[in-house]
Amino acid sequence: MRLRWEIALVLLLSVGRSAIYAVLGLIQALTREESLGDQQTSLNPSAGAEEFWDVLYQFLAQGFGLVPVALAIFLLWEPGKSAFQRIGLDFRRFGGDLGRGLALVAVIGIPGLALYALGRALGLSVLVQASPLDTSWWTIPLLLLAALRAGLTEEVIFIGYLFDRLRRLGWGSWSIILATAGLRAAYHAYQGFPAMVGNFAMGVVFGWCYRRWGRVMPLVIAHTLIDVVAFVGYPLAAALWPGIFAPPAPSPTPTPSPSA
């Protein structure tokens, strides 16, 4: 019973809570009059050029976003064995981890981004503003930190933590892989159906790789690099293909006619 409560608390503090909000966001989007393709959401909203406190709060939000990761690692720690070594989140095999991470970017990251673009072209995906279009000096550091936070949060909790805990509950490997992939898909439901399909496939591939390699580090590297490309490259994509990636231009305010 304690283990079930522990799993529930970690999920409600982190990705489980986000998954619930994401599913509700998708349901809410589907109930609107405009189609999914005409709607948009923002992953990393911009701060005003002179709004120092907004920038500071954004940095703090990214830092506090890593607290659930720290909690999961703390709960995985056992006497005599580091949690980092247990789930393979260390630099002992960084060369091999980097090579595997880059391979995963090619295998799952590029097709995933292409699937999102296809979903946008077909009007099945919400427009995701992955980063602000009005870049400032703090934009790139914030985006890199956001990408690292996303990679650590999802891979440590979805893979490292849940694989360990669900195994202790007697779950089989493929039951764990499919369940965590389904949770990953729900976590991204606010982006639309193609994103859910792509993230489910990503969850299956990453889960299989973790079962085979026993290391989270290649998954964190791959996830972080995919998000870096998506976040940093978004302004370029919006400029090159505005009909797919750029938000619609605001309608001009009609000039009031002079009263007679």
Protein backbone atom coordinates (compact mmCIF):
# COMPACT_ATOMS: atom_id res chain seq x y z
CA MET A 1 0.00 0.00 0.00
CA ARG A 2 2.84 2.42 0.82
CA LEU A 3 4.37 1.85 -2.62
CA ARG A 4 1.07 2.63 -4.34
CA TRP A 5 0.72 5.85 -2.34
CA GLU A 6 4.30 6.78 -3.19
CA ILE A 7 3.67 6.29 -6.94
CA ALA A 8 0.45 8.31 -6.76
CA LEU A 9 2.11 11.19 -4.89
CA VAL A 10 5.07 11.43 -7.29
CA LEU A 11 2.75 11.38 -10.32
CA LEU A 12 0.35 13.94 -8.84
CA LEU A 13 3.31 16.20 -8.08
CA SER A 14 4.73 15.93 -11.58
CA VAL A 15 3.76 14.30 -14.87
CA GLY A 16 0.48 12.79 -13.69
CA ARG A 17 -0.88 16.21 -12.77
CA SER A 18 0.27 17.60 -16.11
CA ALA A 19 -1.29 14.66 -17.95
CA ILE A 20 -4.66 15.36 -16.33
CA TYR A 21 -4.49 19.04 -17.27
CA ALA A 22 -3.34 18.15 -20.79
CA VAL A 23 -6.28 15.79 -21.36
CA LEU A 24 -8.68 18.40 -20.01
CA GLY A 25 -7.04 20.97 -22.27
CA LEU A 26 -7.59 18.74 -25.30
CA ILE A 27 -11.23 18.16 -24.32
CA GLN A 28 -11.71 21.90 -23.85
CA ALA A 29 -10.09 22.59 -27.23
CA LEU A 30 -12.41 20.08 -28.91
CA THR A 31 -15.48 21.82 -27.45
CA ARG A 32 -14.56 25.19 -28.96
CA GLU A 33 -16.11 26.36 -32.21
CA GLU A 34 -12.78 26.72 -34.00
CA SER A 35 -10.98 23.59 -35.19
CA LEU A 36 -7.82 22.23 -33.55
CA GLY A 37 -5.75 23.48 -36.46
CA ASP A 38 -6.85 27.08 -35.81
CA GLN A 39 -5.96 26.99 -32.12
CA GLN A 40 -2.56 27.50 -30.49
CA THR A 41 -0.74 26.93 -27.23
CA SER A 42 2.62 28.11 -25.88
CA LEU A 43 5.38 26.03 -24.28
CA ASN A 44 7.81 28.81 -23.36
CA PRO A 45 6.01 32.18 -23.37
CA SER A 46 8.12 35.30 -23.73
CA ALA A 47 8.73 37.97 -21.14
CA GLY A 48 8.74 41.68 -21.89
CA ALA A 49 12.08 43.29 -22.76
CA GLU A 50 12.23 45.28 -19.53
CA GLU A 51 10.40 42.89 -17.25
CA PHE A 52 13.32 41.72 -15.11
CA TRP A 53 11.13 40.03 -12.55
CA ASP A 54 9.28 38.01 -15.18
CA VAL A 55 12.60 36.66 -16.45
CA LEU A 56 13.73 35.85 -12.92
CA TYR A 57 10.49 34.04 -12.23
CA GLN A 58 10.87 32.05 -15.44
CA PHE A 59 14.33 30.89 -14.35
CA LEU A 60 13.00 30.01 -10.90
CA ALA A 61 10.05 28.13 -12.41
CA GLN A 62 12.44 25.96 -14.43
CA GLY A 63 14.52 25.31 -11.31
CA PHE A 64 11.54 24.42 -9.17
CA GLY A 65 10.33 22.21 -12.01
CA LEU A 66 13.29 19.94 -11.26
CA VAL A 67 12.11 19.31 -7.69
CA PRO A 68 9.94 16.30 -8.69
CA VAL A 69 13.02 14.82 -10.39
CA ALA A 70 15.01 15.25 -7.18
CA LEU A 71 12.17 13.64 -5.22
CA ALA A 72 12.04 10.63 -7.55
CA ILE A 73 15.83 10.16 -7.30
CA PHE A 74 15.64 10.49 -3.52
CA LEU A 75 12.94 7.82 -3.34
CA LEU A 76 14.98 5.50 -5.57
CA TRP A 77 18.04 5.82 -3.33
CA GLU A 78 18.87 2.74 -1.30
CA PRO A 79 21.57 2.14 1.31
CA GLY A 80 24.83 1.25 -0.37
CA LYS A 81 23.77 2.10 -3.92
CA SER A 82 23.34 5.47 -5.56
CA ALA A 83 20.05 6.10 -7.35
CA PHE A 84 22.03 7.72 -10.16
CA GLN A 85 23.87 4.45 -10.75
CA ARG A 86 20.70 2.37 -10.40
CA ILE A 87 18.94 4.12 -13.27
CA GLY A 88 22.09 5.00 -15.25
CA LEU A 89 21.94 8.77 -14.82
CA ASP A 90 25.68 9.34 -14.51
CA PHE A 91 28.71 10.07 -16.68
CA ARG A 92 30.50 6.72 -16.41
CA ARG A 93 29.67 5.83 -20.05
CA PHE A 94 29.04 9.28 -21.45
CA GLY A 95 30.60 8.57 -24.86
CA GLY A 96 28.34 5.59 -25.48
CA ASP A 97 25.35 7.37 -23.98
CA LEU A 98 25.90 10.34 -26.28
CA GLY A 99 26.13 8.10 -29.35
CA ARG A 100 22.94 6.29 -28.41
CA GLY A 101 21.21 9.57 -27.66
CA LEU A 102 22.10 10.95 -31.09
CA ALA A 103 20.84 7.74 -32.71
CA LEU A 104 17.52 8.14 -30.88
CA VAL A 105 17.26 11.73 -32.11
CA ALA A 106 17.52 10.44 -35.67
CA VAL A 107 15.17 7.49 -35.14
CA ILE A 108 12.41 9.10 -33.06
CA GLY A 109 13.07 12.85 -32.87
CA ILE A 110 13.12 13.80 -36.54
CA PRO A 111 10.06 11.68 -37.44
CA GLY A 112 8.28 13.11 -34.39
CA LEU A 113 8.85 16.68 -35.55
CA ALA A 114 7.74 15.69 -39.05
CA LEU A 115 4.57 14.14 -37.62
CA TYR A 116 3.78 17.39 -35.83
CA ALA A 117 4.29 19.37 -39.06
CA LEU A 118 1.99 16.94 -40.89
CA GLY A 119 -0.60 17.32 -38.14
CA ARG A 120 -0.43 21.09 -38.51
CA ALA A 121 -0.80 20.87 -42.28
CA LEU A 122 -3.87 18.64 -41.88
CA GLY A 123 -5.37 20.79 -39.12
CA LEU A 124 -5.14 18.03 -36.50
CA SER A 125 -2.56 19.62 -34.19
CA VAL A 126 -2.80 22.69 -32.01
CA LEU A 127 -0.27 25.37 -32.95
CA VAL A 128 2.47 25.03 -30.31
CA GLN A 129 4.53 28.17 -29.87
CA ALA A 130 7.65 26.38 -28.66
CA SER A 131 9.49 29.61 -27.92
CA PRO A 132 8.97 33.38 -28.12
CA LEU A 133 9.42 34.96 -31.52
CA ASP A 134 10.73 38.20 -29.99
CA THR A 135 14.10 36.88 -28.83
CA SER A 136 16.16 38.62 -26.13
CA TRP A 137 19.51 37.86 -24.48
CA TRP A 138 17.86 35.56 -21.94
CA THR A 139 15.82 33.60 -24.48
CA ILE A 140 18.41 30.95 -25.40
CA PRO A 141 19.53 30.18 -21.80
CA LEU A 142 15.89 29.84 -20.77
CA LEU A 143 15.12 27.53 -23.69
CA LEU A 144 18.16 25.35 -22.99
CA LEU A 145 17.17 25.10 -19.33
CA ALA A 146 13.58 24.29 -20.31
CA ALA A 147 14.78 21.54 -22.66
CA LEU A 148 17.00 20.02 -19.97
CA ARG A 149 14.19 20.17 -17.41
CA ALA A 150 11.79 18.43 -19.80
CA GLY A 151 14.31 15.71 -20.61
CA LEU A 152 15.12 15.01 -16.97
CA THR A 153 11.51 15.20 -15.78
CA GLU A 154 10.03 12.84 -18.32
CA GLU A 155 12.83 10.29 -18.55
CA VAL A 156 13.68 10.07 -14.85
CA ILE A 157 10.02 9.78 -13.79
CA PHE A 158 8.42 7.96 -16.74
CA ILE A 159 11.34 5.57 -17.17
CA GLY A 160 13.75 5.42 -14.24
CA TYR A 161 11.24 5.80 -11.40
CA LEU A 162 8.11 4.10 -12.78
CA PHE A 163 9.98 1.11 -14.23
CA ASP A 164 11.48 0.40 -10.82
CA ARG A 165 8.26 0.88 -8.86
CA LEU A 166 5.95 -0.98 -11.23
CA ARG A 167 8.37 -3.92 -11.37
CA ARG A 168 8.11 -4.11 -7.57
CA LEU A 169 4.34 -4.33 -7.95
CA GLY A 170 4.80 -7.37 -10.18
CA TRP A 171 4.22 -5.76 -13.57
CA GLY A 172 5.83 -7.32 -16.63
CA SER A 173 8.23 -5.40 -18.89
CA TRP A 174 5.81 -4.79 -21.76
CA SER A 175 2.99 -3.84 -19.41
CA ILE A 176 5.28 -1.18 -17.95
CA ILE A 177 6.47 0.01 -21.36
CA LEU A 178 2.92 0.37 -22.72
CA ALA A 179 1.56 1.96 -19.54
CA THR A 180 4.33 4.56 -19.32
CA ALA A 181 4.04 5.25 -23.07
CA GLY A 182 0.31 5.82 -22.62
CA LEU A 183 0.97 8.21 -19.74
CA ARG A 184 3.54 10.04 -21.87
CA ALA A 185 0.94 10.39 -24.64
CA ALA A 186 -1.63 11.75 -22.18
CA TYR A 187 0.98 14.18 -20.85
CA HIS A 188 1.16 15.76 -24.32
CA ALA A 189 -2.54 15.54 -25.19
CA TYR A 190 -2.95 19.33 -25.14
CA GLN A 191 -0.95 19.46 -28.40
CA GLY A 192 -3.46 17.33 -30.33
CA PHE A 193 -3.79 13.77 -31.58
CA PRO A 194 -0.62 13.51 -33.74
CA ALA A 195 1.47 14.56 -30.72
CA MET A 196 -0.19 11.86 -28.65
CA VAL A 197 0.63 9.23 -31.29
CA GLY A 198 4.20 10.45 -31.65
CA ASN A 199 4.83 10.53 -27.90
CA PHE A 200 3.30 7.08 -27.43
CA ALA A 201 5.72 5.74 -30.06
CA MET A 202 8.55 7.60 -28.34
CA GLY A 203 7.55 6.05 -25.02
CA VAL A 204 7.57 2.54 -26.48
CA VAL A 205 10.99 3.03 -28.11
CA PHE A 206 12.51 4.69 -25.03
CA GLY A 207 11.03 2.05 -22.73
CA TRP A 208 12.42 -0.76 -24.87
CA CYS A 209 15.84 0.94 -24.96
CA TYR A 210 15.87 1.33 -21.18
CA ARG A 211 14.99 -2.33 -20.70
CA ARG A 212 17.86 -3.23 -23.03
CA TRP A 213 20.49 -0.71 -21.87
CA GLY A 214 19.50 -0.14 -18.25
CA ARG A 215 20.47 3.53 -18.54
CA VAL A 216 18.40 6.70 -18.52
CA MET A 217 21.23 9.01 -19.65
CA PRO A 218 20.90 8.27 -23.42
CA LEU A 219 17.17 8.99 -23.17
CA VAL A 220 17.75 12.27 -21.33
CA ILE A 221 20.34 13.31 -23.93
CA ALA A 222 18.01 12.45 -26.82
CA HIS A 223 14.97 14.13 -25.27
CA THR A 224 16.93 17.28 -24.39
CA LEU A 225 18.41 17.57 -27.90
CA ILE A 226 14.99 17.08 -29.52
CA ASP A 227 13.55 19.85 -27.39
CA VAL A 228 16.54 22.14 -28.03
CA VAL A 229 15.95 21.77 -31.77
CA ALA A 230 12.21 22.35 -31.36
CA PHE A 231 12.57 25.34 -29.01
CA VAL A 232 15.54 27.14 -30.55
CA GLY A 233 14.54 26.33 -34.13
CA TYR A 234 10.92 27.42 -33.74
CA PRO A 235 11.42 31.07 -34.82
CA LEU A 236 13.19 29.88 -37.99
CA ALA A 237 10.44 27.37 -38.74
CA ALA A 238 7.80 30.05 -38.17
CA ALA A 239 9.61 32.37 -40.58
CA LEU A 240 10.08 29.73 -43.29
CA TRP A 241 6.63 28.14 -43.05
CA PRO A 242 4.35 30.75 -41.46
CA GLY A 243 1.19 29.01 -42.60
CA ILE A 244 2.06 25.95 -40.51
CA PHE A 245 4.08 27.19 -37.55
CA ALA A 246 3.47 30.92 -37.12
CA PRO A 247 0.55 32.27 -35.11
CA PRO A 248 -2.05 34.11 -37.20
CA ALA A 249 -1.56 37.83 -37.51
CA PRO A 250 -3.95 39.83 -35.35
CA SER A 251 -6.89 41.31 -37.18
CA PRO A 252 -6.61 45.08 -37.66
CA THR A 253 -8.82 47.13 -35.44
CA PRO A 254 -11.45 48.84 -37.58
CA THR A 255 -11.25 52.61 -37.60
CA PRO A 256 -14.42 54.07 -36.14
CA SER A 257 -16.37 56.14 -38.62
CA PRO A 258 -16.90 59.76 -37.65
CA SER A 259 -20.30 60.46 -36.22
CA ALA A 260 -22.65 62.48 -38.39
